[in-house]
Amino acid sequence: MYTRRNFKTKAALRLAVTNGLRVEIYNPGEEVTGIQGVTTTGVAYVEGPHYPEPHRWYAKVEMLDGRVVKVLS
């Protein structure tokens, strides 16, 4: 899964969440298939930056009501 905003580093993601920016995630396949696979509350795993760039970071995040509230690792 990806964040809606294309963070180039995990540190940038962590800073955005810490500063209270609304960060949402999505599954790229859901726009094509219509199948909703995004966790709205609980733990999710995201990666970045977005394709076609090579992924350079991966993060485990805590979700609450459809937004990232904490970067766990």
PDB file of N, CA and C in Angstrom:
ATOM      1  N   MET A   1       0.837  -1.173   0.000  1.00  0.00           N
ATOM      2  CA  MET A   1       0.000   0.000   0.000  1.00  0.00           C
ATOM      3  C   MET A   1       0.884   1.239   0.000  1.00  0.00           C
ATOM      4  N   TYR A   2       0.314   2.321  -0.443  1.00  0.00           N
ATOM      5  CA  TYR A   2       1.011   3.597  -0.514  1.00  0.00           C
ATOM      6  C   TYR A   2       0.262   4.661   0.289  1.00  0.00           C
ATOM      7  N   THR A   3       0.971   5.714   0.655  1.00  0.00           N
ATOM      8  CA  THR A   3       0.290   6.880   1.212  1.00  0.00           C
ATOM      9  C   THR A   3      -0.214   7.720   0.041  1.00  0.00           C
ATOM     10  N   ARG A   4      -1.287   8.459   0.236  1.00  0.00           N
ATOM     11  CA  ARG A   4      -1.825   9.303  -0.847  1.00  0.00           C
ATOM     12  C   ARG A   4      -0.799  10.351  -1.280  1.00  0.00           C
ATOM     13  N   ARG A   5      -0.064  10.894  -0.326  1.00  0.00           N
ATOM     14  CA  ARG A   5       1.016  11.832  -0.637  1.00  0.00           C
ATOM     15  C   ARG A   5       2.282  11.003  -0.858  1.00  0.00           C
ATOM     16  N   ASN A   6       3.059  11.343  -1.857  1.00  0.00           N
ATOM     17  CA  ASN A   6       4.235  10.556  -2.225  1.00  0.00           C
ATOM     18  C   ASN A   6       5.453  10.998  -1.410  1.00  0.00           C
ATOM     19  N   PHE A   7       5.610  10.430  -0.210  1.00  0.00           N
ATOM     20  CA  PHE A   7       6.753  10.749   0.642  1.00  0.00           C
ATOM     21  C   PHE A   7       8.006  10.073   0.089  1.00  0.00           C
ATOM     22  N   LYS A   8       9.087  10.814  -0.029  1.00  0.00           N
ATOM     23  CA  LYS A   8      10.336  10.283  -0.568  1.00  0.00           C
ATOM     24  C   LYS A   8      11.118   9.490   0.466  1.00  0.00           C
ATOM     25  N   THR A   9      10.879   9.764   1.771  1.00  0.00           N
ATOM     26  CA  THR A   9      11.567   9.044   2.841  1.00  0.00           C
ATOM     27  C   THR A   9      10.588   8.709   3.961  1.00  0.00           C
ATOM     28  N   LYS A  10      10.965   7.705   4.757  1.00  0.00           N
ATOM     29  CA  LYS A  10      10.138   7.362   5.916  1.00  0.00           C
ATOM     30  C   LYS A  10      10.186   8.494   6.942  1.00  0.00           C
ATOM     31  N   ALA A  11      11.324   9.180   7.029  1.00  0.00           N
ATOM     32  CA  ALA A  11      11.445  10.316   7.950  1.00  0.00           C
ATOM     33  C   ALA A  11      10.446  11.414   7.595  1.00  0.00           C
ATOM     34  N   ALA A  12      10.236  11.646   6.311  1.00  0.00           N
ATOM     35  CA  ALA A  12       9.258  12.656   5.878  1.00  0.00           C
ATOM     36  C   ALA A  12       7.843  12.229   6.251  1.00  0.00           C
ATOM     37  N   LEU A  13       7.546  10.946   6.122  1.00  0.00           N
ATOM     38  CA  LEU A  13       6.244  10.421   6.545  1.00  0.00           C
ATOM     39  C   LEU A  13       6.065  10.613   8.046  1.00  0.00           C
ATOM     40  N   ARG A  14       7.076  10.224   8.818  1.00  0.00           N
ATOM     41  CA  ARG A  14       7.003  10.333  10.273  1.00  0.00           C
ATOM     42  C   ARG A  14       6.811  11.792  10.705  1.00  0.00           C
ATOM     43  N   LEU A  15       7.520  12.715  10.070  1.00  0.00           N
ATOM     44  CA  LEU A  15       7.407  14.137  10.385  1.00  0.00           C
ATOM     45  C   LEU A  15       6.003  14.660  10.073  1.00  0.00           C
ATOM     46  N   ALA A  16       5.454  14.258   8.957  1.00  0.00           N
ATOM     47  CA  ALA A  16       4.104  14.702   8.584  1.00  0.00           C
ATOM     48  C   ALA A  16       3.069  14.223   9.602  1.00  0.00           C
ATOM     49  N   VAL A  17       3.177  12.962  10.013  1.00  0.00           N
ATOM     50  CA  VAL A  17       2.235  12.414  10.997  1.00  0.00           C
ATOM     51  C   VAL A  17       2.412  13.115  12.343  1.00  0.00           C
ATOM     52  N   THR A  18       3.644  13.322  12.761  1.00  0.00           N
ATOM     53  CA  THR A  18       3.932  14.002  14.027  1.00  0.00           C
ATOM     54  C   THR A  18       3.370  15.424  14.035  1.00  0.00           C
ATOM     55  N   ASN A  19       3.444  16.100  12.884  1.00  0.00           N
ATOM     56  CA  ASN A  19       2.951  17.474  12.784  1.00  0.00           C
ATOM     57  C   ASN A  19       1.444  17.571  12.572  1.00  0.00           C
ATOM     58  N   GLY A  20       0.760  16.423  12.553  1.00  0.00           N
ATOM     59  CA  GLY A  20      -0.692  16.428  12.479  1.00  0.00           C
ATOM     60  C   GLY A  20      -1.278  16.492  11.082  1.00  0.00           C
ATOM     61  N   LEU A  21      -0.445  16.305  10.047  1.00  0.00           N
ATOM     62  CA  LEU A  21      -0.941  16.289   8.678  1.00  0.00           C
ATOM     63  C   LEU A  21      -1.807  15.046   8.483  1.00  0.00           C
ATOM     64  N   ARG A  22      -2.934  15.199   7.812  1.00  0.00           N
ATOM     65  CA  ARG A  22      -3.793  14.045   7.552  1.00  0.00           C
ATOM     66  C   ARG A  22      -3.140  13.181   6.471  1.00  0.00           C
ATOM     67  N   VAL A  23      -2.743  11.980   6.843  1.00  0.00           N
ATOM     68  CA  VAL A  23      -2.091  11.051   5.922  1.00  0.00           C
ATOM     69  C   VAL A  23      -3.011   9.853   5.754  1.00  0.00           C
ATOM     70  N   GLU A  24      -3.414   9.595   4.524  1.00  0.00           N
ATOM     71  CA  GLU A  24      -4.261   8.453   4.207  1.00  0.00           C
ATOM     72  C   GLU A  24      -3.480   7.487   3.334  1.00  0.00           C
ATOM     73  N   ILE A  25      -3.920   6.237   3.290  1.00  0.00           N
ATOM     74  CA  ILE A  25      -3.246   5.238   2.472  1.00  0.00           C
ATOM     75  C   ILE A  25      -4.220   4.657   1.462  1.00  0.00           C
ATOM     76  N   TYR A  26      -3.663   4.027   0.441  1.00  0.00           N
ATOM     77  CA  TYR A  26      -4.495   3.349  -0.543  1.00  0.00           C
ATOM     78  C   TYR A  26      -3.751   2.165  -1.139  1.00  0.00           C
ATOM     79  N   ASN A  27      -4.510   1.277  -1.705  1.00  0.00           N
ATOM     80  CA  ASN A  27      -3.969   0.123  -2.398  1.00  0.00           C
ATOM     81  C   ASN A  27      -4.094   0.405  -3.882  1.00  0.00           C
ATOM     82  N   PRO A  28      -2.994   0.456  -4.631  1.00  0.00           N
ATOM     83  CA  PRO A  28      -3.069   0.815  -6.048  1.00  0.00           C
ATOM     84  C   PRO A  28      -4.031  -0.059  -6.847  1.00  0.00           C
ATOM     85  N   GLY A  29      -4.196  -1.296  -6.501  1.00  0.00           N
ATOM     86  CA  GLY A  29      -5.088  -2.188  -7.230  1.00  0.00           C
ATOM     87  C   GLY A  29      -6.563  -1.885  -7.039  1.00  0.00           C
ATOM     88  N   GLU A  30      -6.926  -1.176  -5.972  1.00  0.00           N
ATOM     89  CA  GLU A  30      -8.346  -0.957  -5.713  1.00  0.00           C
ATOM     90  C   GLU A  30      -8.985  -0.033  -6.739  1.00  0.00           C
ATOM     91  N   GLU A  31      -8.211   0.881  -7.355  1.00  0.00           N
ATOM     92  CA  GLU A  31      -8.785   1.728  -8.388  1.00  0.00           C
ATOM     93  C   GLU A  31      -9.121   0.908  -9.631  1.00  0.00           C
ATOM     94  N   VAL A  32      -8.356  -0.150  -9.859  1.00  0.00           N
ATOM     95  CA  VAL A  32      -8.562  -0.988 -11.042  1.00  0.00           C
ATOM     96  C   VAL A  32      -9.654  -2.019 -10.796  1.00  0.00           C
ATOM     97  N   THR A  33      -9.594  -2.690  -9.638  1.00  0.00           N
ATOM     98  CA  THR A  33     -10.511  -3.801  -9.377  1.00  0.00           C
ATOM     99  C   THR A  33     -11.781  -3.389  -8.652  1.00  0.00           C
ATOM    100  N   GLY A  34     -11.740  -2.264  -7.952  1.00  0.00           N
ATOM    101  CA  GLY A  34     -12.889  -1.853  -7.149  1.00  0.00           C
ATOM    102  C   GLY A  34     -12.968  -2.557  -5.807  1.00  0.00           C
ATOM    103  N   ILE A  35     -12.003  -3.428  -5.519  1.00  0.00           N
ATOM    104  CA  ILE A  35     -11.988  -4.154  -4.249  1.00  0.00           C
ATOM    105  C   ILE A  35     -11.305  -3.285  -3.206  1.00  0.00           C
ATOM    106  N   GLN A  36     -11.986  -3.013  -2.114  1.00  0.00           N
ATOM    107  CA  GLN A  36     -11.435  -2.199  -1.043  1.00  0.00           C
ATOM    108  C   GLN A  36     -10.604  -3.087  -0.124  1.00  0.00           C
ATOM    109  N   GLY A  37      -9.282  -2.826  -0.039  1.00  0.00           N
ATOM    110  CA  GLY A  37      -8.423  -3.630   0.805  1.00  0.00           C
ATOM    111  C   GLY A  37      -7.669  -2.809   1.825  1.00  0.00           C
ATOM    112  N   VAL A  38      -8.068  -1.564   2.020  1.00  0.00           N
ATOM    113  CA  VAL A  38      -7.334  -0.669   2.906  1.00  0.00           C
ATOM    114  C   VAL A  38      -7.863  -0.766   4.323  1.00  0.00           C
ATOM    115  N   THR A  39      -6.951  -0.895   5.261  1.00  0.00           N
ATOM    116  CA  THR A  39      -7.295  -0.917   6.670  1.00  0.00           C
ATOM    117  C   THR A  39      -7.668   0.488   7.120  1.00  0.00           C
ATOM    118  N   THR A  40      -8.824   0.653   7.779  1.00  0.00           N
ATOM    119  CA  THR A  40      -9.198   1.977   8.273  1.00  0.00           C
ATOM    120  C   THR A  40      -8.832   2.149   9.737  1.00  0.00           C
ATOM    121  N   THR A  41      -8.779   1.056  10.486  1.00  0.00           N
ATOM    122  CA  THR A  41      -8.364   1.096  11.881  1.00  0.00           C
ATOM    123  C   THR A  41      -7.537  -0.144  12.159  1.00  0.00           C
ATOM    124  N   GLY A  42      -6.386   0.053  12.789  1.00  0.00           N
ATOM    125  CA  GLY A  42      -5.497  -1.065  13.077  1.00  0.00           C
ATOM    126  C   GLY A  42      -4.113  -0.818  12.526  1.00  0.00           C
ATOM    127  N   VAL A  43      -3.437  -1.895  12.129  1.00  0.00           N
ATOM    128  CA  VAL A  43      -2.064  -1.813  11.633  1.00  0.00           C
ATOM    129  C   VAL A  43      -2.056  -2.037  10.119  1.00  0.00           C
ATOM    130  N   ALA A  44      -1.236  -1.255   9.427  1.00  0.00           N
ATOM    131  CA  ALA A  44      -1.071  -1.415   7.980  1.00  0.00           C
ATOM    132  C   ALA A  44       0.410  -1.276   7.642  1.00  0.00           C
ATOM    133  N   TYR A  45       0.767  -1.707   6.459  1.00  0.00           N
ATOM    134  CA  TYR A  45       2.142  -1.613   5.986  1.00  0.00           C
ATOM    135  C   TYR A  45       2.154  -0.804   4.692  1.00  0.00           C
ATOM    136  N   VAL A  46       3.029   0.183   4.627  1.00  0.00           N
ATOM    137  CA  VAL A  46       3.107   1.050   3.458  1.00  0.00           C
ATOM    138  C   VAL A  46       4.542   1.089   2.947  1.00  0.00           C
ATOM    139  N   GLU A  47       4.696   1.541   1.709  1.00  0.00           N
ATOM    140  CA  GLU A  47       6.011   1.617   1.090  1.00  0.00           C
ATOM    141  C   GLU A  47       6.092   2.862   0.223  1.00  0.00           C
ATOM    142  N   GLY A  48       7.305   3.268  -0.059  1.00  0.00           N
ATOM    143  CA  GLY A  48       7.469   4.449  -0.887  1.00  0.00           C
ATOM    144  C   GLY A  48       8.893   4.562  -1.375  1.00  0.00           C
ATOM    145  N   PRO A  49       9.165   5.474  -2.237  1.00  0.00           N
ATOM    146  CA  PRO A  49       8.193   6.320  -2.913  1.00  0.00           C
ATOM    147  C   PRO A  49       7.340   5.519  -3.897  1.00  0.00           C
ATOM    148  N   HIS A  50       6.394   6.169  -4.526  1.00  0.00           N
ATOM    149  CA  HIS A  50       5.448   5.495  -5.416  1.00  0.00           C
ATOM    150  C   HIS A  50       6.128   4.916  -6.657  1.00  0.00           C
ATOM    151  N   TYR A  51       5.537   3.873  -7.180  1.00  0.00           N
ATOM    152  CA  TYR A  51       5.952   3.293  -8.454  1.00  0.00           C
ATOM    153  C   TYR A  51       5.802   4.365  -9.527  1.00  0.00           C
ATOM    154  N   PRO A  52       6.685   4.525 -10.451  1.00  0.00           N
ATOM    155  CA  PRO A  52       7.701   3.598 -10.928  1.00  0.00           C
ATOM    156  C   PRO A  52       9.063   3.766 -10.268  1.00  0.00           C
ATOM    157  N   GLU A  53       9.201   4.688  -9.318  1.00  0.00           N
ATOM    158  CA  GLU A  53      10.476   4.795  -8.603  1.00  0.00           C
ATOM    159  C   GLU A  53      10.686   3.534  -7.767  1.00  0.00           C
ATOM    160  N   PRO A  54      11.932   3.121  -7.577  1.00  0.00           N
ATOM    161  CA  PRO A  54      12.166   1.953  -6.717  1.00  0.00           C
ATOM    162  C   PRO A  54      11.811   2.285  -5.260  1.00  0.00           C
ATOM    163  N   HIS A  55      11.210   1.328  -4.590  1.00  0.00           N
ATOM    164  CA  HIS A  55      10.861   1.533  -3.185  1.00  0.00           C
ATOM    165  C   HIS A  55      12.133   1.578  -2.357  1.00  0.00           C
ATOM    166  N   ARG A  56      12.260   2.614  -1.539  1.00  0.00           N
ATOM    167  CA  ARG A  56      13.442   2.767  -0.687  1.00  0.00           C
ATOM    168  C   ARG A  56      13.094   2.701   0.794  1.00  0.00           C
ATOM    169  N   TRP A  57      11.806   2.731   1.120  1.00  0.00           N
ATOM    170  CA  TRP A  57      11.442   2.622   2.527  1.00  0.00           C
ATOM    171  C   TRP A  57      10.139   1.846   2.667  1.00  0.00           C
ATOM    172  N   TYR A  58      10.004   1.221   3.819  1.00  0.00           N
ATOM    173  CA  TYR A  58       8.807   0.466   4.185  1.00  0.00           C
ATOM    174  C   TYR A  58       8.486   0.837   5.617  1.00  0.00           C
ATOM    175  N   ALA A  59       7.203   0.906   5.952  1.00  0.00           N
ATOM    176  CA  ALA A  59       6.826   1.301   7.306  1.00  0.00           C
ATOM    177  C   ALA A  59       5.595   0.537   7.776  1.00  0.00           C
ATOM    178  N   LYS A  60       5.582   0.252   9.043  1.00  0.00           N
ATOM    179  CA  LYS A  60       4.414  -0.295   9.725  1.00  0.00           C
ATOM    180  C   LYS A  60       3.749   0.894  10.398  1.00  0.00           C
ATOM    181  N   VAL A  61       2.455   1.107  10.120  1.00  0.00           N
ATOM    182  CA  VAL A  61       1.765   2.287  10.646  1.00  0.00           C
ATOM    183  C   VAL A  61       0.503   1.887  11.395  1.00  0.00           C
ATOM    184  N   GLU A  62       0.118   2.735  12.314  1.00  0.00           N
ATOM    185  CA  GLU A  62      -1.128   2.549  13.051  1.00  0.00           C
ATOM    186  C   GLU A  62      -2.179   3.463  12.441  1.00  0.00           C
ATOM    187  N   MET A  63      -3.331   2.879  12.102  1.00  0.00           N
ATOM    188  CA  MET A  63      -4.425   3.614  11.474  1.00  0.00           C
ATOM    189  C   MET A  63      -5.565   3.818  12.475  1.00  0.00           C
ATOM    190  N   LEU A  64      -6.243   4.957  12.357  1.00  0.00           N
ATOM    191  CA  LEU A  64      -7.437   5.226  13.146  1.00  0.00           C
ATOM    192  C   LEU A  64      -8.386   6.036  12.277  1.00  0.00           C
ATOM    193  N   ASP A  65      -9.555   5.496  12.046  1.00  0.00           N
ATOM    194  CA  ASP A  65     -10.585   6.157  11.242  1.00  0.00           C
ATOM    195  C   ASP A  65     -10.080   6.597   9.874  1.00  0.00           C
ATOM    196  N   GLY A  66      -9.291   5.754   9.224  1.00  0.00           N
ATOM    197  CA  GLY A  66      -8.866   6.022   7.861  1.00  0.00           C
ATOM    198  C   GLY A  66      -7.633   6.884   7.689  1.00  0.00           C
ATOM    199  N   ARG A  67      -6.953   7.205   8.774  1.00  0.00           N
ATOM    200  CA  ARG A  67      -5.733   8.016   8.632  1.00  0.00           C
ATOM    201  C   ARG A  67      -4.620   7.441   9.494  1.00  0.00           C
ATOM    202  N   VAL A  68      -3.403   7.729   9.091  1.00  0.00           N
ATOM    203  CA  VAL A  68      -2.229   7.262   9.841  1.00  0.00           C
ATOM    204  C   VAL A  68      -2.069   8.149  11.076  1.00  0.00           C
ATOM    205  N   VAL A  69      -2.000   7.515  12.247  1.00  0.00           N
ATOM    206  CA  VAL A  69      -1.822   8.293  13.485  1.00  0.00           C
ATOM    207  C   VAL A  69      -0.454   8.081  14.108  1.00  0.00           C
ATOM    208  N   LYS A  70       0.261   7.010  13.663  1.00  0.00           N
ATOM    209  CA  LYS A  70       1.581   6.759  14.236  1.00  0.00           C
ATOM    210  C   LYS A  70       2.372   5.864  13.290  1.00  0.00           C
ATOM    211  N   VAL A  71       3.650   6.165  13.142  1.00  0.00           N
ATOM    212  CA  VAL A  71       4.572   5.303  12.401  1.00  0.00           C
ATOM    213  C   VAL A  71       5.244   4.417  13.433  1.00  0.00           C
ATOM    214  N   LEU A  72       4.994   3.112  13.347  1.00  0.00           N
ATOM    215  CA  LEU A  72       5.478   2.180  14.370  1.00  0.00           C
ATOM    216  C   LEU A  72       6.900   1.717  14.099  1.00  0.00           C
ATOM    217  N   SER A  73       7.236   1.506  12.859  1.00  0.00           N
ATOM    218  CA  SER A  73       8.606   1.089  12.518  1.00  0.00           C
ATOM    219  C   SER A  73       8.901   1.397  11.063  1.00  0.00           C
TER     220      SER A  73
END
